Amino acid sequence: MIYLLAIFLPPLALLLYGRIFQAVLNLLICIVALVTGFIWLFLAGGPGLFIWSIAVIHAVLVINSAKQDRRARLIAASMRQSQQP
């Protein structure tokens, strides 16, 4: 579900996942994409769509990385807990 949100509203997906700095950076990328899309409106949104896809890829990679970090912390915590007598 979070990946679907990352496709349509990348900054919101990052905010919901707790990545504030990345959300602000992604918001700037989305604003640039929208502005370029409006400027190049008669060219079928070519540059704006390309920049928007960069924002989507950024959001998906950050969310995937956060999920992997959380999973690694859980595994490390369970290993520490199982080693204690």
N, C-alpha and C. Protein backbone atom coordinates (compact mmCIF):
# COMPACT_ATOMS: atom_id res chain seq x y z
N MET A 1 0.82 -1.19 0.00
CA MET A 1 0.00 0.00 0.00
C MET A 1 0.87 1.27 0.00
N ILE A 2 1.97 1.21 0.76
CA ILE A 2 2.83 2.38 0.85
C ILE A 2 3.52 2.63 -0.50
N TYR A 3 3.78 1.57 -1.25
CA TYR A 3 4.41 1.75 -2.56
C TYR A 3 3.44 2.39 -3.55
N LEU A 4 2.17 2.07 -3.45
CA LEU A 4 1.18 2.70 -4.30
C LEU A 4 1.07 4.19 -3.99
N LEU A 5 1.12 4.52 -2.71
CA LEU A 5 1.12 5.92 -2.31
C LEU A 5 2.39 6.62 -2.79
N ALA A 6 3.50 5.89 -2.79
CA ALA A 6 4.77 6.47 -3.25
C ALA A 6 4.73 6.78 -4.74
N ILE A 7 3.90 6.08 -5.49
CA ILE A 7 3.81 6.36 -6.92
C ILE A 7 3.01 7.64 -7.17
N PHE A 8 1.91 7.81 -6.44
CA PHE A 8 1.04 8.94 -6.72
C PHE A 8 1.37 10.18 -5.88
N LEU A 9 1.78 10.01 -4.64
CA LEU A 9 2.13 11.13 -3.76
C LEU A 9 3.43 10.80 -3.02
N PRO A 10 4.57 10.88 -3.70
CA PRO A 10 5.83 10.46 -3.08
C PRO A 10 6.18 11.18 -1.78
N PRO A 11 6.03 12.51 -1.67
CA PRO A 11 6.41 13.15 -0.41
C PRO A 11 5.54 12.70 0.77
N LEU A 12 4.27 12.48 0.53
CA LEU A 12 3.38 12.02 1.60
C LEU A 12 3.75 10.62 2.07
N ALA A 13 4.11 9.77 1.15
CA ALA A 13 4.53 8.41 1.52
C ALA A 13 5.77 8.46 2.40
N LEU A 14 6.70 9.34 2.07
CA LEU A 14 7.92 9.45 2.88
C LEU A 14 7.62 10.04 4.25
N LEU A 15 6.71 11.00 4.30
CA LEU A 15 6.32 11.56 5.60
C LEU A 15 5.65 10.52 6.48
N LEU A 16 4.78 9.72 5.90
CA LEU A 16 4.11 8.68 6.67
C LEU A 16 5.07 7.62 7.16
N TYR A 17 6.16 7.44 6.45
CA TYR A 17 7.16 6.45 6.85
C TYR A 17 8.20 7.03 7.80
N GLY A 18 8.09 8.33 8.11
CA GLY A 18 8.97 8.94 9.09
C GLY A 18 10.27 9.48 8.55
N ARG A 19 10.39 9.65 7.28
CA ARG A 19 11.61 10.18 6.65
C ARG A 19 11.37 11.63 6.26
N ILE A 20 11.56 12.54 7.19
CA ILE A 20 11.18 13.93 7.01
C ILE A 20 12.12 14.65 6.03
N PHE A 21 13.42 14.48 6.20
CA PHE A 21 14.37 15.16 5.31
C PHE A 21 14.20 14.70 3.87
N GLN A 22 14.04 13.39 3.67
CA GLN A 22 13.84 12.88 2.33
C GLN A 22 12.51 13.35 1.75
N ALA A 23 11.49 13.53 2.61
CA ALA A 23 10.19 14.01 2.14
C ALA A 23 10.30 15.46 1.64
N VAL A 24 11.08 16.27 2.35
CA VAL A 24 11.27 17.66 1.92
C VAL A 24 12.03 17.70 0.59
N LEU A 25 13.06 16.90 0.48
CA LEU A 25 13.82 16.81 -0.77
C LEU A 25 12.93 16.33 -1.91
N ASN A 26 12.12 15.33 -1.63
CA ASN A 26 11.22 14.79 -2.64
C ASN A 26 10.15 15.80 -3.03
N LEU A 27 9.69 16.59 -2.08
CA LEU A 27 8.71 17.63 -2.38
C LEU A 27 9.30 18.66 -3.34
N LEU A 28 10.55 19.01 -3.13
CA LEU A 28 11.21 19.94 -4.05
C LEU A 28 11.31 19.35 -5.45
N ILE A 29 11.63 18.07 -5.54
CA ILE A 29 11.69 17.42 -6.85
C ILE A 29 10.31 17.42 -7.51
N CYS A 30 9.26 17.15 -6.73
CA CYS A 30 7.90 17.14 -7.28
C CYS A 30 7.47 18.53 -7.73
N ILE A 31 7.85 19.55 -6.99
CA ILE A 31 7.51 20.92 -7.40
C ILE A 31 8.19 21.26 -8.71
N VAL A 32 9.47 20.90 -8.83
CA VAL A 32 10.18 21.13 -10.09
C VAL A 32 9.50 20.37 -11.23
N ALA A 33 9.05 19.14 -10.95
CA ALA A 33 8.37 18.35 -11.98
C ALA A 33 7.06 19.01 -12.41
N LEU A 34 6.30 19.51 -11.46
CA LEU A 34 5.03 20.16 -11.80
C LEU A 34 5.25 21.46 -12.56
N VAL A 35 6.23 22.24 -12.14
CA VAL A 35 6.51 23.50 -12.84
C VAL A 35 6.98 23.22 -14.26
N THR A 36 7.88 22.25 -14.41
CA THR A 36 8.33 21.92 -15.77
C THR A 36 7.21 21.33 -16.59
N GLY A 37 6.33 20.57 -15.95
CA GLY A 37 5.19 20.02 -16.68
C GLY A 37 4.26 21.10 -17.19
N PHE A 38 4.04 22.14 -16.39
CA PHE A 38 3.19 23.24 -16.84
C PHE A 38 3.85 24.06 -17.93
N ILE A 39 5.16 24.24 -17.83
CA ILE A 39 5.87 24.99 -18.86
C ILE A 39 5.85 24.24 -20.19
N TRP A 40 6.07 22.94 -20.13
CA TRP A 40 6.13 22.12 -21.33
C TRP A 40 4.80 21.40 -21.58
N LEU A 41 3.71 22.04 -21.26
CA LEU A 41 2.40 21.42 -21.37
C LEU A 41 2.10 20.96 -22.79
N PHE A 42 2.56 21.70 -23.77
CA PHE A 42 2.26 21.36 -25.15
C PHE A 42 3.15 20.26 -25.71
N LEU A 43 4.13 19.83 -24.93
CA LEU A 43 4.99 18.73 -25.36
C LEU A 43 4.61 17.44 -24.64
N ALA A 44 3.38 17.32 -24.20
CA ALA A 44 2.83 16.13 -23.54
C ALA A 44 3.52 15.84 -22.21
N GLY A 45 4.04 16.86 -21.58
CA GLY A 45 4.61 16.69 -20.25
C GLY A 45 5.89 15.89 -20.20
N GLY A 46 6.64 15.86 -21.26
CA GLY A 46 7.85 15.04 -21.33
C GLY A 46 8.83 15.25 -20.20
N PRO A 47 9.40 16.44 -20.05
CA PRO A 47 10.38 16.64 -18.97
C PRO A 47 9.75 16.54 -17.58
N GLY A 48 8.55 17.03 -17.44
CA GLY A 48 7.89 16.96 -16.13
C GLY A 48 7.62 15.54 -15.71
N LEU A 49 7.21 14.70 -16.65
CA LEU A 49 6.95 13.30 -16.35
C LEU A 49 8.24 12.57 -16.00
N PHE A 50 9.32 12.92 -16.67
CA PHE A 50 10.62 12.31 -16.37
C PHE A 50 11.07 12.69 -14.96
N ILE A 51 10.94 13.95 -14.60
CA ILE A 51 11.35 14.39 -13.27
C ILE A 51 10.45 13.78 -12.21
N TRP A 52 9.15 13.64 -12.51
CA TRP A 52 8.23 13.00 -11.55
C TRP A 52 8.65 11.54 -11.32
N SER A 53 9.08 10.87 -12.39
CA SER A 53 9.52 9.48 -12.22
C SER A 53 10.76 9.40 -11.35
N ILE A 54 11.61 10.40 -11.39
CA ILE A 54 12.77 10.44 -10.49
C ILE A 54 12.30 10.55 -9.04
N ALA A 55 11.27 11.37 -8.79
CA ALA A 55 10.73 11.50 -7.44
C ALA A 55 10.13 10.19 -6.97
N VAL A 56 9.45 9.48 -7.85
CA VAL A 56 8.84 8.19 -7.49
C VAL A 56 9.91 7.15 -7.18
N ILE A 57 10.93 7.09 -8.01
CA ILE A 57 12.02 6.14 -7.77
C ILE A 57 12.72 6.46 -6.45
N HIS A 58 12.95 7.73 -6.19
CA HIS A 58 13.57 8.13 -4.93
C HIS A 58 12.72 7.68 -3.74
N ALA A 59 11.42 7.90 -3.80
CA ALA A 59 10.54 7.52 -2.70
C ALA A 59 10.53 6.01 -2.49
N VAL A 60 10.45 5.25 -3.56
CA VAL A 60 10.42 3.79 -3.45
C VAL A 60 11.73 3.27 -2.86
N LEU A 61 12.85 3.82 -3.30
CA LEU A 61 14.14 3.37 -2.77
C LEU A 61 14.30 3.71 -1.29
N VAL A 62 13.86 4.88 -0.87
CA VAL A 62 13.96 5.26 0.54
C VAL A 62 13.07 4.38 1.41
N ILE A 63 11.86 4.11 0.94
CA ILE A 63 10.95 3.26 1.71
C ILE A 63 11.50 1.84 1.79
N ASN A 64 12.02 1.32 0.70
CA ASN A 64 12.60 -0.02 0.71
C ASN A 64 13.79 -0.09 1.66
N SER A 65 14.62 0.93 1.66
CA SER A 65 15.76 0.97 2.57
C SER A 65 15.32 1.03 4.03
N ALA A 66 14.29 1.80 4.31
CA ALA A 66 13.78 1.89 5.68
C ALA A 66 13.22 0.56 6.14
N LYS A 67 12.54 -0.16 5.25
CA LYS A 67 12.02 -1.48 5.60
C LYS A 67 13.16 -2.46 5.89
N GLN A 68 14.22 -2.40 5.09
CA GLN A 68 15.36 -3.28 5.31
C GLN A 68 16.07 -2.95 6.63
N ASP A 69 16.20 -1.67 6.95
CA ASP A 69 16.81 -1.26 8.21
C ASP A 69 16.00 -1.77 9.40
N ARG A 70 14.69 -1.63 9.32
CA ARG A 70 13.82 -2.09 10.40
C ARG A 70 13.92 -3.60 10.57
N ARG A 71 13.95 -4.33 9.46
CA ARG A 71 14.08 -5.77 9.50
C ARG A 71 15.42 -6.18 10.12
N ALA A 72 16.50 -5.50 9.77
CA ALA A 72 17.82 -5.82 10.32
C ALA A 72 17.88 -5.53 11.81
N ARG A 73 17.24 -4.42 12.25
CA ARG A 73 17.21 -4.14 13.69
C ARG A 73 16.45 -5.20 14.46
N LEU A 74 15.34 -5.69 13.90
CA LEU A 74 14.57 -6.75 14.56
C LEU A 74 15.37 -8.05 14.66
N ILE A 75 16.08 -8.38 13.61
CA ILE A 75 16.89 -9.59 13.63
C ILE A 75 18.02 -9.46 14.64
N ALA A 76 18.68 -8.30 14.67
CA ALA A 76 19.77 -8.09 15.63
C ALA A 76 19.25 -8.13 17.07
N ALA A 77 18.08 -7.55 17.31
CA ALA A 77 17.52 -7.57 18.66
C ALA A 77 17.14 -8.98 19.08
N SER A 78 16.60 -9.76 18.17
CA SER A 78 16.24 -11.13 18.52
C SER A 78 17.48 -11.99 18.74
N MET A 79 18.55 -11.71 18.00
CA MET A 79 19.80 -12.45 18.21
C MET A 79 20.40 -12.10 19.57
N ARG A 80 20.37 -10.82 19.92
CA ARG A 80 20.88 -10.42 21.24
C ARG A 80 20.06 -11.05 22.37
N GLN A 81 18.77 -11.10 22.17
CA GLN A 81 17.89 -11.64 23.20
C GLN A 81 18.10 -13.15 23.34
N SER A 82 18.35 -13.86 22.26
CA SER A 82 18.54 -15.30 22.33
C SER A 82 19.90 -15.67 22.91
N GLN A 83 20.87 -14.76 22.86
CA GLN A 83 22.20 -15.04 23.40
C GLN A 83 22.29 -14.83 24.89
N GLN A 84 21.36 -14.09 25.46
CA GLN A 84 21.40 -13.82 26.90
C GLN A 84 20.96 -15.08 27.65
N PRO A 85 21.66 -15.36 28.78
CA PRO A 85 21.31 -16.59 29.54
C PRO A 85 20.01 -16.45 30.31
